[in-house]
């Protein structure tokens, strides 16, 4: 079984949009913004070229000389840490709660001081069990809650979408997300003044890069072909096994999410790009299937949980049927 698959890429639309010159930032981005704001019952939001840019914009818009620290869990991708640093903040790492694999409330209390500007909560398999306590603590201490919902779009808590529980939230619509495109993201903000700062920074970004999208398009074709059932069973699986057993770096790098982990304290130019009409339309087309796909993820999580729960050598998060957890 492949480690991950691409949910949906509109290959023919890419070719059509090439001839229609539909790779600029424009009306479809506005349409996407309208639909997600309506879905999440939010007032302020912006479509992005990548989800992780949301972390940069969120932190950049709220830090100051006095309040420059961001508390977050190290259980995240390396580039989220980079985005915090690129925005000019200092990351303060606190450990996770083993039950939810999300940032632990008691550890937040221990890490807090007067220089903390924000707490960044990464929603992974499960919603943070102390989310109410964390939000209340943040309000009392004038700290911003930023929700990283990159892998859990559509998850709800008490009839509210995650991403709207705190002050700022961001989502990702990259190739391996269950609402997917050739990269894509979204950021929500409750405060109008904060959103204006986010919008102003984003306005300085460049128009979409067609060749970057083309590279992702070709990558998607490659991945879908080699993870299709028969090809994976008889070809890909054997190649991956051979590479692993013989430590062949060229092969092994294809099995990693981030084969080129690196530190940066300056936002790369290829991140300063707006989302295209093509990406926006791809995301719009999939929004109606969000609930259905989330249900499938929960059913798959239940199967994994029931098959693995009695193995003493491993520890997995508790599965509850009547919750809306993300389950990546």
Protein backbone atom coordinates (compact mmCIF):
# COMPACT_ATOMS: atom_id res chain seq x y z
CA UNK A 1 0.00 0.00 0.00
CA UNK A 2 1.41 3.46 -0.90
CA UNK A 3 2.24 5.70 2.04
CA UNK A 4 0.03 8.40 0.52
CA UNK A 5 -1.90 9.10 -2.66
CA UNK A 6 -3.14 12.17 -4.46
CA UNK A 7 -6.88 12.62 -3.98
CA UNK A 8 -7.69 14.64 -7.10
CA UNK A 9 -5.84 16.58 -9.78
CA UNK A 10 -7.74 17.96 -12.79
CA UNK A 11 -5.32 17.05 -15.57
CA UNK A 12 -7.51 18.08 -18.51
CA UNK A 13 -8.35 21.38 -16.82
CA UNK A 14 -4.64 22.17 -16.66
CA UNK A 15 -4.31 21.73 -20.43
CA UNK A 16 -7.49 23.74 -21.05
CA UNK A 17 -6.35 26.55 -18.75
CA UNK A 18 -3.00 26.62 -20.55
CA UNK A 19 -4.75 27.60 -23.79
CA UNK A 20 -7.12 29.96 -21.97
CA UNK A 21 -4.18 31.66 -20.22
CA UNK A 22 -5.90 30.99 -16.90
CA UNK A 23 -2.83 30.90 -14.68
CA UNK A 24 -3.06 34.44 -13.37
CA UNK A 25 -4.32 35.48 -9.95
CA UNK A 26 -7.88 36.68 -10.40
CA UNK A 27 -11.62 36.18 -10.08
CA UNK A 28 -11.51 32.49 -9.15
CA UNK A 29 -9.41 33.31 -6.09
CA UNK A 30 -12.13 35.74 -5.01
CA UNK A 31 -14.77 33.08 -5.63
CA UNK A 32 -12.81 30.60 -3.52
CA UNK A 33 -12.53 33.15 -0.72
CA UNK A 34 -16.27 33.75 -0.80
CA UNK A 35 -17.08 30.03 -0.61
CA UNK A 36 -14.72 29.22 2.26
CA UNK A 37 -15.82 32.27 4.24
CA UNK A 38 -19.42 31.11 3.83
CA UNK A 39 -18.54 27.51 4.72
CA UNK A 40 -16.68 28.47 7.90
CA UNK A 41 -19.02 31.35 8.81
CA UNK A 42 -16.06 33.76 8.83
CA UNK A 43 -15.70 37.41 7.86
CA UNK A 44 -12.10 37.75 6.72
CA UNK A 45 -10.08 35.34 4.62
CA UNK A 46 -7.54 35.14 1.83
CA UNK A 47 -6.67 32.43 -0.69
CA UNK A 48 -2.95 31.57 -0.73
CA UNK A 49 -0.55 29.76 -3.04
CA UNK A 50 0.65 27.51 -0.20
CA UNK A 51 -0.73 26.65 3.22
CA UNK A 52 2.54 27.27 5.08
CA UNK A 53 2.50 30.88 3.90
CA UNK A 54 -0.42 31.22 6.30
CA UNK A 55 1.95 30.63 9.22
CA UNK A 56 4.28 33.36 7.94
CA UNK A 57 1.48 35.88 7.37
CA UNK A 58 -0.17 35.11 10.71
CA UNK A 59 3.01 35.55 12.76
CA UNK A 60 4.21 38.55 10.75
CA UNK A 61 0.92 40.36 11.38
CA UNK A 62 0.88 40.03 15.18
CA UNK A 63 4.44 40.19 16.58
CA UNK A 64 6.05 43.32 18.02
CA UNK A 65 9.33 44.33 19.65
CA UNK A 66 7.92 43.42 23.06
CA UNK A 67 5.95 40.34 22.05
CA UNK A 68 8.04 38.26 19.67
CA UNK A 69 7.82 34.65 20.87
CA UNK A 70 5.58 31.93 19.44
CA UNK A 71 4.86 28.77 21.44
CA UNK A 72 4.43 25.69 19.24
CA UNK A 73 4.89 21.95 19.18
CA UNK A 74 7.99 20.49 17.47
CA UNK A 75 5.66 17.82 16.02
CA UNK A 76 5.26 19.68 12.73
CA UNK A 77 7.02 20.06 9.39
CA UNK A 78 10.34 21.86 9.42
CA UNK A 79 9.06 24.64 7.17
CA UNK A 80 6.45 25.81 9.67
CA UNK A 81 9.34 26.54 12.03
CA UNK A 82 11.08 28.34 9.17
CA UNK A 83 7.95 30.45 8.55
CA UNK A 84 7.85 31.51 12.21
CA UNK A 85 11.52 32.54 12.04
CA UNK A 86 11.17 34.24 8.64
CA UNK A 87 8.34 36.32 10.09
CA UNK A 88 10.75 37.63 12.74
CA UNK A 89 9.58 35.59 15.72
CA UNK A 90 11.38 33.26 18.11
CA UNK A 91 9.91 29.73 18.27
CA UNK A 92 9.46 28.27 21.76
CA UNK A 93 8.94 24.51 21.61
CA UNK A 94 6.74 22.63 24.06
CA UNK A 95 5.97 18.93 24.00
CA UNK A 96 2.78 17.22 22.84
CA UNK A 97 0.05 15.41 24.72
CA UNK A 98 0.43 11.69 23.98
CA UNK A 99 -3.33 11.17 23.77
CA UNK A 100 -3.95 13.71 21.01
CA UNK A 101 -0.45 14.29 19.56
CA UNK A 102 -1.14 18.03 19.84
CA UNK A 103 0.49 20.69 22.00
CA UNK A 104 0.08 20.09 25.75
CA UNK A 105 -1.69 22.71 27.87
CA UNK A 106 0.47 22.30 31.00
CA UNK A 107 3.62 22.67 28.92
CA UNK A 108 2.23 25.88 27.45
CA UNK A 109 1.78 27.29 30.96
CA UNK A 110 5.38 26.42 31.81
CA UNK A 111 6.72 28.05 28.62
CA UNK A 112 4.69 31.26 28.82
CA UNK A 113 6.17 34.65 29.65
CA UNK A 114 5.30 38.28 28.87
CA UNK A 115 7.09 38.14 25.51
CA UNK A 116 4.81 35.46 24.05
CA UNK A 117 2.78 36.87 21.16
CA UNK A 118 1.06 33.70 19.99
CA UNK A 119 0.39 30.03 20.58
CA UNK A 120 0.44 27.97 17.40
CA UNK A 121 -1.76 24.87 17.66
CA UNK A 122 -1.20 22.19 15.00
CA UNK A 123 -4.27 20.02 14.49
CA UNK A 124 -3.14 16.55 13.38
CA UNK A 125 -5.05 13.29 13.93
CA UNK A 126 -7.16 14.62 16.80
CA UNK A 127 -8.46 17.95 18.04
CA UNK A 128 -6.56 19.27 21.06
CA UNK A 129 -8.42 18.02 24.15
CA UNK A 130 -7.57 21.24 26.04
CA UNK A 131 -8.50 23.63 23.24
CA UNK A 132 -11.03 25.52 25.40
CA UNK A 133 -8.55 25.98 28.24
CA UNK A 134 -5.82 27.12 25.83
CA UNK A 135 -8.12 29.65 24.14
CA UNK A 136 -9.30 31.02 27.51
CA UNK A 137 -5.72 31.28 28.79
CA UNK A 138 -4.71 33.14 25.62
CA UNK A 139 -7.58 35.63 25.95
CA UNK A 140 -6.72 36.38 29.58
CA UNK A 141 -3.08 37.05 28.69
CA UNK A 142 -3.61 38.92 25.40
CA UNK A 143 -2.00 36.12 23.38
CA UNK A 144 -3.06 35.27 19.83
CA UNK A 145 -4.16 31.72 18.98
CA UNK A 146 -2.98 30.57 15.53
CA UNK A 147 -4.43 27.28 14.28
CA UNK A 148 -2.43 25.20 11.82
CA UNK A 149 -5.17 23.22 10.06
CA UNK A 150 -3.04 22.29 7.05
CA UNK A 151 -3.98 18.61 7.21
CA UNK A 152 -7.40 18.79 8.82
CA UNK A 153 -9.61 21.06 6.70
CA UNK A 154 -13.28 20.38 7.37
CA UNK A 155 -12.87 19.12 10.93
CA UNK A 156 -15.35 20.60 13.42
CA UNK A 157 -15.43 21.18 17.16
CA UNK A 158 -18.73 22.08 18.86
CA UNK A 159 -20.24 22.88 15.44
CA UNK A 160 -17.44 25.31 14.56
CA UNK A 161 -14.75 24.58 11.99
CA UNK A 162 -11.21 24.35 13.28
CA UNK A 163 -9.39 27.39 12.03
CA UNK A 164 -12.14 29.53 13.57
CA UNK A 165 -11.64 28.52 17.22
CA UNK A 166 -8.77 30.95 17.79
CA UNK A 167 -7.82 34.29 16.24
CA UNK A 168 -6.15 33.14 13.01
CA UNK A 169 -6.30 29.83 11.18
CA UNK A 170 -4.79 28.50 7.99
CA UNK A 171 -5.41 25.51 5.70
CA UNK A 172 -3.43 23.74 3.00
CA UNK A 173 -4.68 22.39 -0.32
CA UNK A 174 -1.44 20.80 -1.52
CA UNK A 175 -1.32 17.69 -3.70
CA UNK A 176 -1.62 15.19 -0.84
CA UNK A 177 -4.44 16.94 1.03
CA UNK A 178 -7.94 15.56 0.64
CA UNK A 179 -8.96 18.88 -0.91
CA UNK A 180 -6.03 19.16 -3.28
CA UNK A 181 -4.49 21.29 -5.99
CA UNK A 182 -1.05 22.01 -7.43
CA UNK A 183 -0.38 23.78 -4.12
CA UNK A 184 -2.87 26.06 -2.45
CA UNK A 185 -3.85 27.42 0.92
CA UNK A 186 -6.15 29.73 2.84
CA UNK A 187 -5.95 31.98 5.89
CA UNK A 188 -8.76 33.18 8.16
CA UNK A 189 -8.58 36.05 10.66
CA UNK A 190 -11.22 37.25 13.11
CA UNK A 191 -9.80 40.72 13.68
CA UNK A 192 -10.23 43.24 10.86
CA UNK A 193 -7.05 45.14 11.72
CA UNK A 194 -5.00 41.94 11.74
CA UNK A 195 -6.51 40.86 8.44
CA UNK A 196 -5.60 44.20 6.84
CA UNK A 197 -1.96 43.61 7.81
CA UNK A 198 -2.11 40.11 6.31
CA UNK A 199 -3.74 41.43 3.14
CA UNK A 200 -1.18 44.23 2.74
CA UNK A 201 1.76 41.83 3.03
CA UNK A 202 0.16 39.42 0.58
CA UNK A 203 -0.51 42.20 -1.94
CA UNK A 204 3.25 42.59 -2.36
CA UNK A 205 3.50 38.98 -3.63
CA UNK A 206 4.02 38.21 -7.31
CA UNK A 207 1.71 36.73 -9.92
CA UNK A 208 1.63 32.90 -10.16
CA UNK A 209 4.64 31.16 -11.68
CA UNK A 210 3.41 28.94 -14.54
CA UNK A 211 6.62 26.90 -14.70
CA UNK A 212 6.39 26.12 -10.99
CA UNK A 213 2.83 24.89 -11.53
CA UNK A 214 3.92 22.88 -14.57
CA UNK A 215 6.61 21.20 -12.48
CA UNK A 216 3.99 20.25 -9.88
CA UNK A 217 1.65 19.04 -12.64
CA UNK A 218 4.30 16.68 -14.03
CA UNK A 219 5.15 15.53 -10.51
CA UNK A 220 1.47 14.71 -9.92
CA UNK A 221 1.32 12.60 -13.09
CA UNK A 222 4.45 10.73 -11.96
CA UNK A 223 3.06 10.06 -8.46
CA UNK A 224 -0.41 8.98 -9.61
CA UNK A 225 1.09 6.56 -12.14
CA UNK A 226 3.51 4.92 -9.71
CA UNK A 227 0.94 4.67 -6.87
CA UNK A 228 -1.81 3.15 -9.02
CA UNK A 229 -2.76 -0.32 -7.77
CA UNK A 230 -1.12 -2.60 -10.33
CA UNK A 231 1.97 -0.45 -10.94
CA UNK A 232 2.58 -0.09 -7.21
CA UNK A 233 2.10 -3.80 -6.54
CA UNK A 234 4.42 -5.11 -9.25
CA UNK A 235 6.89 -2.27 -9.87
CA UNK A 236 6.94 0.59 -7.34
CA UNK A 237 6.88 -1.61 -4.25
CA UNK A 238 9.87 -3.62 -5.47
CA UNK A 239 11.83 -0.49 -6.40
CA UNK A 240 11.18 1.07 -2.97
CA UNK A 241 12.15 -2.16 -1.18
CA UNK A 242 15.35 -2.44 -3.23
CA UNK A 243 16.27 1.17 -2.47
CA UNK A 244 15.64 0.74 1.24
CA UNK A 245 17.57 -2.53 1.58
CA UNK A 246 20.54 -1.21 -0.38
CA UNK A 247 20.44 2.35 0.99
CA UNK A 248 20.15 3.96 -2.44
CA UNK A 249 19.64 7.67 -1.72
CA UNK A 250 18.24 8.51 -5.17
CA UNK A 251 15.36 6.07 -4.60
CA UNK A 252 14.87 6.70 -0.89
CA UNK A 253 14.37 10.43 -1.32
CA UNK A 254 11.15 9.75 -3.24
CA UNK A 255 9.63 8.09 -0.16
CA UNK A 256 10.15 11.14 2.07
CA UNK A 257 7.75 14.06 2.47
CA UNK A 258 10.58 16.56 2.81
CA UNK A 259 13.78 15.08 1.37
CA UNK A 260 15.59 18.45 1.52
CA UNK A 261 15.18 19.69 5.08
CA UNK A 262 16.85 23.07 5.45
CA UNK A 263 16.85 26.13 7.68
CA UNK A 264 16.05 29.60 6.38
CA UNK A 265 15.41 32.93 8.08
CA UNK A 266 14.37 34.79 4.93
CA UNK A 267 11.15 34.06 3.04
CA UNK A 268 12.13 32.48 -0.31
CA UNK A 269 11.07 34.35 -3.44
CA UNK A 270 9.22 31.31 -4.76
CA UNK A 271 6.96 31.54 -1.68
CA UNK A 272 6.03 35.16 -2.44
CA UNK A 273 3.51 34.12 -5.06
CA UNK A 274 -0.28 34.45 -5.27
CA UNK A 275 -2.64 31.59 -6.05
CA UNK A 276 -3.75 31.16 -9.68
CA UNK A 277 -7.25 30.90 -11.12
CA UNK A 278 -6.49 27.30 -12.07
CA UNK A 279 -5.57 26.29 -8.51
CA UNK A 280 -8.55 28.15 -7.08
CA UNK A 281 -11.00 26.44 -9.43
CA UNK A 282 -9.56 23.00 -8.59
CA UNK A 283 -10.19 23.65 -4.90
CA UNK A 284 -13.70 25.03 -5.49
CA UNK A 285 -14.68 21.89 -7.41
CA UNK A 286 -13.74 19.68 -4.45
CA UNK A 287 -15.39 21.58 -1.61
CA UNK A 288 -18.69 19.75 -2.08
CA UNK A 289 -16.90 16.41 -1.51
CA UNK A 290 -15.17 17.55 1.68
CA UNK A 291 -17.68 15.99 4.08
CA UNK A 292 -17.75 12.70 2.15
CA UNK A 293 -13.95 12.42 2.08
CA UNK A 294 -13.72 13.28 5.77
CA UNK A 295 -16.13 10.42 6.51
CA UNK A 296 -13.92 8.03 4.51
CA UNK A 297 -10.88 9.13 6.51
CA UNK A 298 -12.72 8.40 9.75
CA UNK A 299 -13.74 4.94 8.55
CA UNK A 300 -10.14 4.18 7.56
CA UNK A 301 -8.93 5.44 10.95
CA UNK A 302 -11.40 3.12 12.67
CA UNK A 303 -10.05 0.14 10.72
CA UNK A 304 -6.44 1.01 11.59
CA UNK A 305 -7.35 1.53 15.25
CA UNK A 306 -9.21 -1.76 15.61
CA UNK A 307 -6.38 -3.70 13.96
CA UNK A 308 -3.54 -2.04 15.89
CA UNK A 309 -4.97 -1.27 19.35
CA UNK A 310 -4.05 -4.62 20.92
CA UNK A 311 -0.40 -4.56 19.84
CA UNK A 312 1.53 -3.77 23.02
CA UNK A 313 4.64 -2.51 21.24
CA UNK A 314 2.89 0.49 19.69
CA UNK A 315 0.83 3.37 21.02
CA UNK A 316 -1.88 5.02 18.93
CA UNK A 317 -4.39 7.82 19.63
CA UNK A 318 -7.76 6.70 20.97
CA UNK A 319 -10.48 6.49 18.31
CA UNK A 320 -13.97 7.81 19.12
CA UNK A 321 -16.83 7.30 16.68
CA UNK A 322 -18.84 10.41 17.50
CA UNK A 323 -16.09 13.00 17.11
CA UNK A 324 -14.96 15.06 14.12
CA UNK A 325 -11.22 14.46 14.42
CA UNK A 326 -8.97 14.98 11.40
CA UNK A 327 -7.25 11.57 11.10
CA UNK A 328 -4.57 12.23 8.47
